[in-house]
PDB file of all heavy atoms in Angstrom:
ATOM      1  N   GLY A   1      71.832  90.817 116.532  1.00  0.00           N
ATOM      2  CA  GLY A   1      72.935  91.612 117.014  1.00  0.00           C
ATOM      3  C   GLY A   1      73.602  91.144 118.260  1.00  0.00           C
ATOM      4  O   GLY A   1      74.787  90.983 118.468  1.00  0.00           O
ATOM      5  N   GLY A   2      72.741  90.897 119.282  1.00  0.00           N
ATOM      6  CA  GLY A   2      73.125  90.374 120.545  1.00  0.00           C
ATOM      7  C   GLY A   2      73.871  89.139 120.453  1.00  0.00           C
ATOM      8  O   GLY A   2      74.817  88.858 121.190  1.00  0.00           O
ATOM      9  N   THR A   3      73.246  88.151 119.594  1.00  0.00           N
ATOM     10  CA  THR A   3      73.869  86.941 119.426  1.00  0.00           C
ATOM     11  C   THR A   3      75.281  86.992 118.813  1.00  0.00           C
ATOM     12  O   THR A   3      76.313  86.289 119.256  1.00  0.00           O
ATOM     13  CB  THR A   3      72.978  85.973 118.539  1.00  0.00           C
ATOM     14  OG1 THR A   3      71.708  85.894 119.045  1.00  0.00           O
ATOM     15  CG2 THR A   3      73.517  84.649 118.327  1.00  0.00           C
ATOM     16  N   LEU A   4      75.349  87.975 117.842  1.00  0.00           N
ATOM     17  CA  LEU A   4      76.740  88.143 117.270  1.00  0.00           C
ATOM     18  C   LEU A   4      77.761  88.636 118.165  1.00  0.00           C
ATOM     19  O   LEU A   4      78.840  88.269 118.281  1.00  0.00           O
ATOM     20  CB  LEU A   4      76.727  89.120 116.001  1.00  0.00           C
ATOM     21  CG  LEU A   4      76.260  88.491 114.707  1.00  0.00           C
ATOM     22  CD1 LEU A   4      76.186  89.636 113.689  1.00  0.00           C
ATOM     23  CD2 LEU A   4      77.352  87.554 114.243  1.00  0.00           C
ATOM     24  N   VAL A   5      77.312  89.604 119.076  1.00  0.00           N
ATOM     25  CA  VAL A   5      78.124  90.127 120.093  1.00  0.00           C
ATOM     26  C   VAL A   5      78.625  89.053 121.078  1.00  0.00           C
ATOM     27  O   VAL A   5      79.798  88.934 121.356  1.00  0.00           O
ATOM     28  CB  VAL A   5      77.453  91.320 120.883  1.00  0.00           C
ATOM     29  CG1 VAL A   5      78.279  91.687 122.168  1.00  0.00           C
ATOM     30  CG2 VAL A   5      77.312  92.498 120.011  1.00  0.00           C
ATOM     31  N   MET A   6      77.640  88.182 121.466  1.00  0.00           N
ATOM     32  CA  MET A   6      77.976  87.136 122.404  1.00  0.00           C
ATOM     33  C   MET A   6      78.909  86.116 121.763  1.00  0.00           C
ATOM     34  O   MET A   6      79.868  85.689 122.405  1.00  0.00           O
ATOM     35  CB  MET A   6      76.630  86.451 122.909  1.00  0.00           C
ATOM     36  CG  MET A   6      75.868  87.425 123.691  1.00  0.00           C
ATOM     37  SD  MET A   6      76.611  87.906 125.279  1.00  0.00           S
ATOM     38  CE  MET A   6      76.850  86.479 126.159  1.00  0.00           C
ATOM     39  N   LEU A   7      78.655  85.700 120.578  1.00  0.00           N
ATOM     40  CA  LEU A   7      79.499  84.748 119.857  1.00  0.00           C
ATOM     41  C   LEU A   7      80.963  85.443 119.635  1.00  0.00           C
ATOM     42  O   LEU A   7      81.961  84.733 119.887  1.00  0.00           O
ATOM     43  CB  LEU A   7      79.004  84.304 118.669  1.00  0.00           C
ATOM     44  CG  LEU A   7      77.733  83.416 118.602  1.00  0.00           C
ATOM     45  CD1 LEU A   7      77.227  83.051 117.242  1.00  0.00           C
ATOM     46  CD2 LEU A   7      78.296  81.944 119.354  1.00  0.00           C
ATOM     47  N   GLY A   8      80.913  86.602 119.168  1.00  0.00           N
ATOM     48  CA  GLY A   8      82.289  87.282 118.931  1.00  0.00           C
ATOM     49  C   GLY A   8      83.025  87.447 120.181  1.00  0.00           C
ATOM     50  O   GLY A   8      84.319  87.075 120.256  1.00  0.00           O
ATOM     51  N   ALA A   9      82.564  87.806 121.238  1.00  0.00           N
ATOM     52  CA  ALA A   9      83.228  88.131 122.438  1.00  0.00           C
ATOM     53  C   ALA A   9      83.568  86.809 123.166  1.00  0.00           C
ATOM     54  O   ALA A   9      84.705  86.600 123.696  1.00  0.00           O
ATOM     55  CB  ALA A   9      82.286  88.878 123.518  1.00  0.00           C
ATOM     56  N   GLY A  10      82.605  85.839 123.116  1.00  0.00           N
ATOM     57  CA  GLY A  10      82.979  84.528 123.643  1.00  0.00           C
ATOM     58  C   GLY A  10      84.176  83.930 122.917  1.00  0.00           C
ATOM     59  O   GLY A  10      85.002  83.168 123.582  1.00  0.00           O
ATOM     60  N   SER A  11      84.035  83.896 121.534  1.00  0.00           N
ATOM     61  CA  SER A  11      85.272  83.366 120.766  1.00  0.00           C
ATOM     62  C   SER A  11      86.456  84.042 121.017  1.00  0.00           C
ATOM     63  O   SER A  11      87.531  83.406 121.125  1.00  0.00           O
ATOM     64  CB  SER A  11      84.761  83.474 119.326  1.00  0.00           C
ATOM     65  OG  SER A  11      85.835  82.934 118.517  1.00  0.00           O
ATOM     66  N   PHE A  12      86.445  85.372 121.205  1.00  0.00           N
ATOM     67  CA  PHE A  12      87.653  86.048 121.491  1.00  0.00           C
ATOM     68  C   PHE A  12      88.241  85.610 122.887  1.00  0.00           C
ATOM     69  O   PHE A  12      89.434  85.305 122.999  1.00  0.00           O
ATOM     70  CB  PHE A  12      87.354  87.549 121.569  1.00  0.00           C
ATOM     71  CG  PHE A  12      88.622  88.498 121.591  1.00  0.00           C
ATOM     72  CD1 PHE A  12      89.294  88.749 120.536  1.00  0.00           C
ATOM     73  CD2 PHE A  12      88.888  89.079 122.879  1.00  0.00           C
ATOM     74  CE1 PHE A  12      90.330  89.547 120.557  1.00  0.00           C
ATOM     75  CE2 PHE A  12      89.982  89.862 122.885  1.00  0.00           C
ATOM     76  CZ  PHE A  12      90.796  90.047 121.710  1.00  0.00           C
ATOM     77  N   LEU A  13      87.389  85.519 123.839  1.00  0.00           N
ATOM     78  CA  LEU A  13      87.938  85.092 125.163  1.00  0.00           C
ATOM     79  C   LEU A  13      88.308  83.712 125.196  1.00  0.00           C
ATOM     80  O   LEU A  13      89.331  83.341 125.801  1.00  0.00           O
ATOM     81  CB  LEU A  13      86.797  85.320 126.258  1.00  0.00           C
ATOM     82  CG  LEU A  13      86.394  86.780 126.525  1.00  0.00           C
ATOM     83  CD1 LEU A  13      85.258  86.866 127.328  1.00  0.00           C
ATOM     84  CD2 LEU A  13      87.721  87.495 127.126  1.00  0.00           C
ATOM     85  N   LEU A  14      87.542  82.771 124.592  1.00  0.00           N
ATOM     86  CA  LEU A  14      87.890  81.385 124.530  1.00  0.00           C
ATOM     87  C   LEU A  14      89.248  81.152 123.772  1.00  0.00           C
ATOM     88  O   LEU A  14      90.122  80.292 124.159  1.00  0.00           O
ATOM     89  CB  LEU A  14      86.889  80.524 123.849  1.00  0.00           C
ATOM     90  CG  LEU A  14      85.626  80.183 124.759  1.00  0.00           C
ATOM     91  CD1 LEU A  14      84.513  79.564 123.963  1.00  0.00           C
ATOM     92  CD2 LEU A  14      85.994  79.409 126.021  1.00  0.00           C
ATOM     93  N   ASN A  15      89.437  81.865 122.710  1.00  0.00           N
ATOM     94  CA  ASN A  15      90.770  81.780 121.892  1.00  0.00           C
ATOM     95  C   ASN A  15      91.893  82.144 122.806  1.00  0.00           C
ATOM     96  O   ASN A  15      92.975  81.480 122.653  1.00  0.00           O
ATOM     97  CB  ASN A  15      90.628  82.658 120.654  1.00  0.00           C
ATOM     98  CG  ASN A  15      91.702  82.460 119.855  1.00  0.00           C
ATOM     99  OD1 ASN A  15      92.953  82.595 120.141  1.00  0.00           O
ATOM    100  ND2 ASN A  15      91.533  82.030 118.603  1.00  0.00           N
ATOM    101  N   MET A  16      91.766  83.048 123.766  1.00  0.00           N
ATOM    102  CA  MET A  16      92.782  83.454 124.650  1.00  0.00           C
ATOM    103  C   MET A  16      93.273  82.203 125.555  1.00  0.00           C
ATOM    104  O   MET A  16      94.526  82.257 125.879  1.00  0.00           O
ATOM    105  CB  MET A  16      92.497  84.655 125.391  1.00  0.00           C
ATOM    106  CG  MET A  16      92.327  85.809 124.766  1.00  0.00           C
ATOM    107  SD  MET A  16      91.868  87.203 125.872  1.00  0.00           S
ATOM    108  CE  MET A  16      92.555  88.546 124.877  1.00  0.00           C
ATOM    109  N   VAL A  17      92.322  81.356 125.843  1.00  0.00           N
ATOM    110  CA  VAL A  17      92.822  80.190 126.668  1.00  0.00           C
ATOM    111  C   VAL A  17      92.900  78.849 125.862  1.00  0.00           C
ATOM    112  O   VAL A  17      92.922  77.810 126.405  1.00  0.00           O
ATOM    113  CB  VAL A  17      91.689  80.062 127.773  1.00  0.00           C
ATOM    114  CG1 VAL A  17      91.777  81.188 128.744  1.00  0.00           C
ATOM    115  CG2 VAL A  17      90.344  79.770 127.292  1.00  0.00           C
ATOM    116  N   GLY A  18      93.004  79.002 124.497  1.00  0.00           N
ATOM    117  CA  GLY A  18      93.318  77.807 123.727  1.00  0.00           C
ATOM    118  C   GLY A  18      91.984  77.062 123.290  1.00  0.00           C
ATOM    119  O   GLY A  18      92.158  75.846 122.905  1.00  0.00           O
ATOM    120  N   MET A  19      90.792  77.540 123.429  1.00  0.00           N
ATOM    121  CA  MET A  19      89.566  76.844 123.123  1.00  0.00           C
ATOM    122  C   MET A  19      88.809  77.590 122.010  1.00  0.00           C
ATOM    123  O   MET A  19      89.250  78.735 121.754  1.00  0.00           O
ATOM    124  CB  MET A  19      88.739  76.687 124.318  1.00  0.00           C
ATOM    125  CG  MET A  19      89.393  75.911 125.512  1.00  0.00           C
ATOM    126  SD  MET A  19      88.418  75.980 127.070  1.00  0.00           S
ATOM    127  CE  MET A  19      87.265  74.705 126.547  1.00  0.00           C
ATOM    128  N   GLU A  20      87.830  77.052 121.627  1.00  0.00           N
ATOM    129  CA  GLU A  20      86.966  77.708 120.408  1.00  0.00           C
ATOM    130  C   GLU A  20      85.643  77.109 120.335  1.00  0.00           C
ATOM    131  O   GLU A  20      85.374  75.854 120.652  1.00  0.00           O
ATOM    132  CB  GLU A  20      87.651  77.501 119.212  1.00  0.00           C
ATOM    133  CG  GLU A  20      87.167  78.280 118.066  1.00  0.00           C
ATOM    134  CD  GLU A  20      87.126  79.814 118.208  1.00  0.00           C
ATOM    135  OE1 GLU A  20      88.267  80.407 118.132  1.00  0.00           O
ATOM    136  OE2 GLU A  20      86.118  80.336 118.396  1.00  0.00           O
ATOM    137  N   PHE A  21      84.687  77.993 120.018  1.00  0.00           N
ATOM    138  CA  PHE A  21      83.334  77.610 119.709  1.00  0.00           C
ATOM    139  C   PHE A  21      83.328  76.624 118.327  1.00  0.00           C
ATOM    140  O   PHE A  21      84.053  77.056 117.392  1.00  0.00           O
ATOM    141  CB  PHE A  21      82.329  78.669 119.394  1.00  0.00           C
ATOM    142  CG  PHE A  21      81.913  79.414 120.589  1.00  0.00           C
ATOM    143  CD1 PHE A  21      82.007  80.831 120.756  1.00  0.00           C
ATOM    144  CD2 PHE A  21      81.452  78.720 121.776  1.00  0.00           C
ATOM    145  CE1 PHE A  21      81.646  81.525 121.721  1.00  0.00           C
ATOM    146  CE2 PHE A  21      81.072  79.500 122.766  1.00  0.00           C
ATOM    147  CZ  PHE A  21      81.172  80.850 122.858  1.00  0.00           C
ATOM    148  N   ILE A  22      82.743  75.614 118.230  1.00  0.00           N
ATOM    149  CA  ILE A  22      82.618  74.769 117.099  1.00  0.00           C
ATOM    150  C   ILE A  22      82.127  75.605 115.830  1.00  0.00           C
ATOM    151  O   ILE A  22      82.629  75.481 114.816  1.00  0.00           O
ATOM    152  CB  ILE A  22      81.834  73.498 117.124  1.00  0.00           C
ATOM    153  CG1 ILE A  22      82.679  72.538 118.277  1.00  0.00           C
ATOM    154  CG2 ILE A  22      81.744  72.743 115.867  1.00  0.00           C
ATOM    155  CD1 ILE A  22      81.870  71.310 118.484  1.00  0.00           C
ATOM    156  N   LEU A  23      81.223  76.343 116.178  1.00  0.00           N
ATOM    157  CA  LEU A  23      80.509  77.169 115.107  1.00  0.00           C
ATOM    158  C   LEU A  23      81.610  78.187 114.462  1.00  0.00           C
ATOM    159  O   LEU A  23      81.483  78.495 113.297  1.00  0.00           O
ATOM    160  CB  LEU A  23      79.322  77.963 115.687  1.00  0.00           C
ATOM    161  CG  LEU A  23      78.570  78.854 114.703  1.00  0.00           C
ATOM    162  CD1 LEU A  23      77.798  77.984 113.697  1.00  0.00           C
ATOM    163  CD2 LEU A  23      77.552  79.668 115.576  1.00  0.00           C
ATOM    164  N   LEU A  24      82.463  78.624 115.254  1.00  0.00           N
ATOM    165  CA  LEU A  24      83.430  79.695 114.684  1.00  0.00           C
ATOM    166  C   LEU A  24      84.818  79.109 114.596  1.00  0.00           C
ATOM    167  O   LEU A  24      85.881  79.832 114.530  1.00  0.00           O
ATOM    168  CB  LEU A  24      83.517  80.870 115.762  1.00  0.00           C
ATOM    169  CG  LEU A  24      82.204  81.663 115.693  1.00  0.00           C
ATOM    170  CD1 LEU A  24      82.232  82.775 116.762  1.00  0.00           C
ATOM    171  CD2 LEU A  24      81.747  82.288 114.359  1.00  0.00           C
ATOM    172  N   SER A  25      85.031  77.816 114.400  1.00  0.00           N
ATOM    173  CA  SER A  25      86.300  77.218 114.310  1.00  0.00           C
ATOM    174  C   SER A  25      87.110  77.566 113.122  1.00  0.00           C
ATOM    175  O   SER A  25      88.254  77.520 113.010  1.00  0.00           O
ATOM    176  CB  SER A  25      86.293  75.669 114.589  1.00  0.00           C
ATOM    177  OG  SER A  25      85.476  75.187 113.477  1.00  0.00           O
ATOM    178  N   TRP A  26      86.354  77.957 111.997  1.00  0.00           N
ATOM    179  CA  TRP A  26      86.944  78.326 110.703  1.00  0.00           C
ATOM    180  C   TRP A  26      87.622  79.654 110.745  1.00  0.00           C
ATOM    181  O   TRP A  26      88.354  79.983 109.923  1.00  0.00           O
ATOM    182  CB  TRP A  26      85.745  78.436 109.750  1.00  0.00           C
ATOM    183  CG  TRP A  26      84.654  79.387 109.945  1.00  0.00           C
ATOM    184  CD1 TRP A  26      83.561  79.111 110.693  1.00  0.00           C
ATOM    185  CD2 TRP A  26      84.636  80.801 109.621  1.00  0.00           C
ATOM    186  NE1 TRP A  26      82.884  80.401 110.899  1.00  0.00           N
ATOM    187  CE2 TRP A  26      83.475  81.363 110.194  1.00  0.00           C
ATOM    188  CE3 TRP A  26      85.577  81.550 108.902  1.00  0.00           C
ATOM    189  CZ2 TRP A  26      83.239  82.780 109.920  1.00  0.00           C
ATOM    190  CZ3 TRP A  26      85.219  82.895 108.781  1.00  0.00           C
ATOM    191  CH2 TRP A  26      84.143  83.444 109.259  1.00  0.00           C
ATOM    192  N   VAL A  27      87.362  80.479 111.788  1.00  0.00           N
ATOM    193  CA  VAL A  27      87.884  81.729 111.779  1.00  0.00           C
ATOM    194  C   VAL A  27      89.384  81.864 111.730  1.00  0.00           C
ATOM    195  O   VAL A  27      90.009  82.807 111.231  1.00  0.00           O
ATOM    196  CB  VAL A  27      87.335  82.577 113.158  1.00  0.00           C
ATOM    197  CG1 VAL A  27      88.089  83.805 113.406  1.00  0.00           C
ATOM    198  CG2 VAL A  27      85.797  82.686 113.103  1.00  0.00           C
ATOM    199  N   ASP A  28      90.084  80.838 112.426  1.00  0.00           N
ATOM    200  CA  ASP A  28      91.545  80.894 112.479  1.00  0.00           C
ATOM    201  C   ASP A  28      92.068  80.192 111.204  1.00  0.00           C
ATOM    202  O   ASP A  28      93.379  79.932 111.196  1.00  0.00           O
ATOM    203  CB  ASP A  28      92.106  80.239 113.700  1.00  0.00           C
ATOM    204  CG  ASP A  28      91.792  81.133 114.928  1.00  0.00           C
ATOM    205  OD1 ASP A  28      92.011  82.306 114.798  1.00  0.00           O
ATOM    206  OD2 ASP A  28      91.428  80.548 115.968  1.00  0.00           O
ATOM    207  N   MET A  29      91.396  79.860 110.133  1.00  0.00           N
ATOM    208  CA  MET A  29      91.894  79.198 109.026  1.00  0.00           C
ATOM    209  C   MET A  29      92.857  80.098 108.391  1.00  0.00           C
ATOM    210  O   MET A  29      93.831  79.636 107.698  1.00  0.00           O
ATOM    211  CB  MET A  29      90.745  78.868 108.159  1.00  0.00           C
ATOM    212  CG  MET A  29      91.205  78.134 106.837  1.00  0.00           C
ATOM    213  SD  MET A  29      89.764  77.503 105.965  1.00  0.00           S
ATOM    214  CE  MET A  29      88.725  78.937 105.724  1.00  0.00           C
ATOM    215  N   TRP A  30      92.806  81.461 108.330  1.00  0.00           N
ATOM    216  CA  TRP A  30      93.702  82.363 107.782  1.00  0.00           C
ATOM    217  C   TRP A  30      94.783  82.869 108.587  1.00  0.00           C
ATOM    218  O   TRP A  30      95.503  83.681 108.130  1.00  0.00           O
ATOM    219  CB  TRP A  30      92.910  83.495 107.223  1.00  0.00           C
ATOM    220  CG  TRP A  30      91.942  83.088 106.106  1.00  0.00           C
ATOM    221  CD1 TRP A  30      92.223  82.639 104.816  1.00  0.00           C
ATOM    222  CD2 TRP A  30      90.552  83.018 106.109  1.00  0.00           C
ATOM    223  NE1 TRP A  30      91.128  82.324 104.105  1.00  0.00           N
ATOM    224  CE2 TRP A  30      90.033  82.508 104.916  1.00  0.00           C
ATOM    225  CE3 TRP A  30      89.658  83.378 107.199  1.00  0.00           C
ATOM    226  CZ2 TRP A  30      88.619  82.297 104.721  1.00  0.00           C
ATOM    227  CZ3 TRP A  30      88.265  83.053 107.059  1.00  0.00           C
ATOM    228  CH2 TRP A  30      87.842  82.594 105.726  1.00  0.00           C
ATOM    229  N   GLY A  31      94.869  82.366 109.910  1.00  0.00           N
ATOM    230  CA  GLY A  31      95.865  82.841 110.793  1.00  0.00           C
ATOM    231  C   GLY A  31      95.368  83.520 111.896  1.00  0.00           C
ATOM    232  O   GLY A  31      94.142  83.844 112.021  1.00  0.00           O
ATOM    233  N   PRO A  32      96.144  83.850 112.975  1.00  0.00           N
ATOM    234  CA  PRO A  32      95.661  84.379 114.171  1.00  0.00           C
ATOM    235  C   PRO A  32      95.182  85.932 114.041  1.00  0.00           C
ATOM    236  O   PRO A  32      94.206  86.326 114.592  1.00  0.00           O
ATOM    237  CB  PRO A  32      96.841  84.373 115.218  1.00  0.00           C
ATOM    238  CG  PRO A  32      97.993  84.082 114.324  1.00  0.00           C
ATOM    239  CD  PRO A  32      97.451  83.503 113.016  1.00  0.00           C
ATOM    240  N   LEU A  33      95.942  86.653 113.217  1.00  0.00           N
ATOM    241  CA  LEU A  33      95.624  88.085 113.133  1.00  0.00           C
ATOM    242  C   LEU A  33      94.297  88.362 112.405  1.00  0.00           C
ATOM    243  O   LEU A  33      93.376  89.077 112.820  1.00  0.00           O
ATOM    244  CB  LEU A  33      96.789  88.922 112.514  1.00  0.00           C
ATOM    245  CG  LEU A  33      96.610  90.398 112.591  1.00  0.00           C
ATOM    246  CD1 LEU A  33      96.509  90.881 114.028  1.00  0.00           C
ATOM    247  CD2 LEU A  33      97.838  91.051 111.852  1.00  0.00           C
ATOM    248  N   PRO A  34      94.111  87.691 111.222  1.00  0.00           N
ATOM    249  CA  PRO A  34      92.829  87.777 110.576  1.00  0.00           C
ATOM    250  C   PRO A  34      91.701  87.205 111.447  1.00  0.00           C
ATOM    251  O   PRO A  34      90.544  87.662 111.421  1.00  0.00           O
ATOM    252  CB  PRO A  34      92.906  86.922 109.250  1.00  0.00           C
ATOM    253  CG  PRO A  34      94.328  87.040 108.943  1.00  0.00           C
ATOM    254  CD  PRO A  34      95.012  86.902 110.289  1.00  0.00           C
ATOM    255  N   GLY A  35      92.006  86.154 112.319  1.00  0.00           N
ATOM    256  CA  GLY A  35      90.901  85.581 113.150  1.00  0.00           C
ATOM    257  C   GLY A  35      90.463  86.651 114.221  1.00  0.00           C
ATOM    258  O   GLY A  35      89.266  86.696 114.501  1.00  0.00           O
ATOM    259  N   ILE A  36      91.456  87.407 114.623  1.00  0.00           N
ATOM    260  CA  ILE A  36      91.074  88.418 115.709  1.00  0.00           C
ATOM    261  C   ILE A  36      90.207  89.457 115.014  1.00  0.00           C
ATOM    262  O   ILE A  36      89.248  89.932 115.641  1.00  0.00           O
ATOM    263  CB  ILE A  36      92.320  88.981 116.282  1.00  0.00           C
ATOM    264  CG1 ILE A  36      93.030  87.993 117.176  1.00  0.00           C
ATOM    265  CG2 ILE A  36      91.982  90.262 117.092  1.00  0.00           C
ATOM    266  CD1 ILE A  36      94.379  88.418 117.789  1.00  0.00           C
ATOM    267  N   GLY A  37      90.596  89.762 113.784  1.00  0.00           N
ATOM    268  CA  GLY A  37      89.916  90.802 113.052  1.00  0.00           C
ATOM    269  C   GLY A  37      88.497  90.375 112.803  1.00  0.00           C
ATOM    270  O   GLY A  37      87.450  91.115 112.880  1.00  0.00           O
ATOM    271  N   ILE A  38      88.151  89.128 112.410  1.00  0.00           N
ATOM    272  CA  ILE A  38      86.861  88.645 112.189  1.00  0.00           C
ATOM    273  C   ILE A  38      86.058  88.524 113.422  1.00  0.00           C
ATOM    274  O   ILE A  38      84.956  89.036 113.458  1.00  0.00           O
ATOM    275  CB  ILE A  38      87.000  87.189 111.554  1.00  0.00           C
ATOM    276  CG1 ILE A  38      87.621  87.223 110.094  1.00  0.00           C
ATOM    277  CG2 ILE A  38      85.640  86.514 111.524  1.00  0.00           C
ATOM    278  CD1 ILE A  38      87.915  85.922 109.613  1.00  0.00           C
ATOM    279  N   ARG A  39      86.692  88.257 114.523  1.00  0.00           N
ATOM    280  CA  ARG A  39      86.005  88.248 115.805  1.00  0.00           C
ATOM    281  C   ARG A  39      85.563  89.676 116.135  1.00  0.00           C
ATOM    282  O   ARG A  39      84.477  89.874 116.571  1.00  0.00           O
ATOM    283  CB  ARG A  39      86.888  87.650 116.914  1.00  0.00           C
ATOM    284  CG  ARG A  39      86.954  86.109 116.757  1.00  0.00           C
ATOM    285  CD  ARG A  39      87.957  85.630 117.882  1.00  0.00           C
ATOM    286  NE  ARG A  39      88.127  84.221 117.754  1.00  0.00           N
ATOM    287  CZ  ARG A  39      89.102  83.716 117.048  1.00  0.00           C
ATOM    288  NH1 ARG A  39      90.036  84.486 116.534  1.00  0.00           N
ATOM    289  NH2 ARG A  39      89.241  82.346 116.971  1.00  0.00           N
ATOM    290  N   LEU A  40      86.442  90.528 116.145  1.00  0.00           N
ATOM    291  CA  LEU A  40      86.194  91.909 116.297  1.00  0.00           C
ATOM    292  C   LEU A  40      85.165  92.632 115.448  1.00  0.00           C
ATOM    293  O   LEU A  40      84.268  93.353 115.859  1.00  0.00           O
ATOM    294  CB  LEU A  40      87.413  92.793 116.399  1.00  0.00           C
ATOM    295  CG  LEU A  40      88.438  92.574 117.501  1.00  0.00           C
ATOM    296  CD1 LEU A  40      89.702  93.443 117.310  1.00  0.00           C
ATOM    297  CD2 LEU A  40      87.863  92.747 118.883  1.00  0.00           C
ATOM    298  N   GLY A  41      85.216  92.120 114.170  1.00  0.00           N
ATOM    299  CA  GLY A  41      84.182  92.623 113.199  1.00  0.00           C
ATOM    300  C   GLY A  41      82.845  91.975 113.544  1.00  0.00           C
ATOM    301  O   GLY A  41      81.915  92.783 113.426  1.00  0.00           O
ATOM    302  N   ALA A  42      82.829  90.823 114.037  1.00  0.00           N
ATOM    303  CA  ALA A  42      81.470  90.183 114.498  1.00  0.00           C
ATOM    304  C   ALA A  42      80.941  91.029 115.620  1.00  0.00           C
ATOM    305  O   ALA A  42      79.639  91.295 115.620  1.00  0.00           O
ATOM    306  CB  ALA A  42      81.627  88.713 114.780  1.00  0.00           C
ATOM    307  N   ILE A  43      81.706  91.435 116.606  1.00  0.00           N
ATOM    308  CA  ILE A  43      81.231  92.181 117.772  1.00  0.00           C
ATOM    309  C   ILE A  43      80.844  93.622 117.204  1.00  0.00           C
ATOM    310  O   ILE A  43      79.705  93.978 117.624  1.00  0.00           O
ATOM    311  CB  ILE A  43      82.466  92.284 118.767  1.00  0.00           C
ATOM    312  CG1 ILE A  43      82.806  90.868 119.377  1.00  0.00           C
ATOM    313  CG2 ILE A  43      82.091  93.363 119.811  1.00  0.00           C
ATOM    314  CD1 ILE A  43      84.057  90.950 120.262  1.00  0.00           C
ATOM    315  N   ALA A  44      81.558  94.224 116.349  1.00  0.00           N
ATOM    316  CA  ALA A  44      81.147  95.473 115.945  1.00  0.00           C
ATOM    317  C   ALA A  44      79.864  95.508 115.089  1.00  0.00           C
ATOM    318  O   ALA A  44      79.029  96.280 115.353  1.00  0.00           O
ATOM    319  CB  ALA A  44      82.236  96.048 115.069  1.00  0.00           C
ATOM    320  N   LEU A  45      79.719  94.457 114.275  1.00  0.00           N
ATOM    321  CA  LEU A  45      78.429  94.307 113.403  1.00  0.00           C
ATOM    322  C   LEU A  45      77.321  94.000 114.420  1.00  0.00           C
ATOM    323  O   LEU A  45      76.262  94.569 114.179  1.00  0.00           O
ATOM    324  CB  LEU A  45      78.619  93.107 112.448  1.00  0.00           C
ATOM    325  CG  LEU A  45      77.352  92.850 111.577  1.00  0.00           C
ATOM    326  CD1 LEU A  45      77.116  94.090 110.741  1.00  0.00           C
ATOM    327  CD2 LEU A  45      77.621  91.662 110.663  1.00  0.00           C
TER     328      LEU A  45
END
């Protein structure tokens, strides 16, 4: 759970500056809004 929170929050913050974790690069495949939803869902989970 802690790993998911760290990856989700880190991905959210990195996305704001135009970067991304390689592990979560697929998140924006469906667009920016679903990508944000997936990141927030990972944090919540």
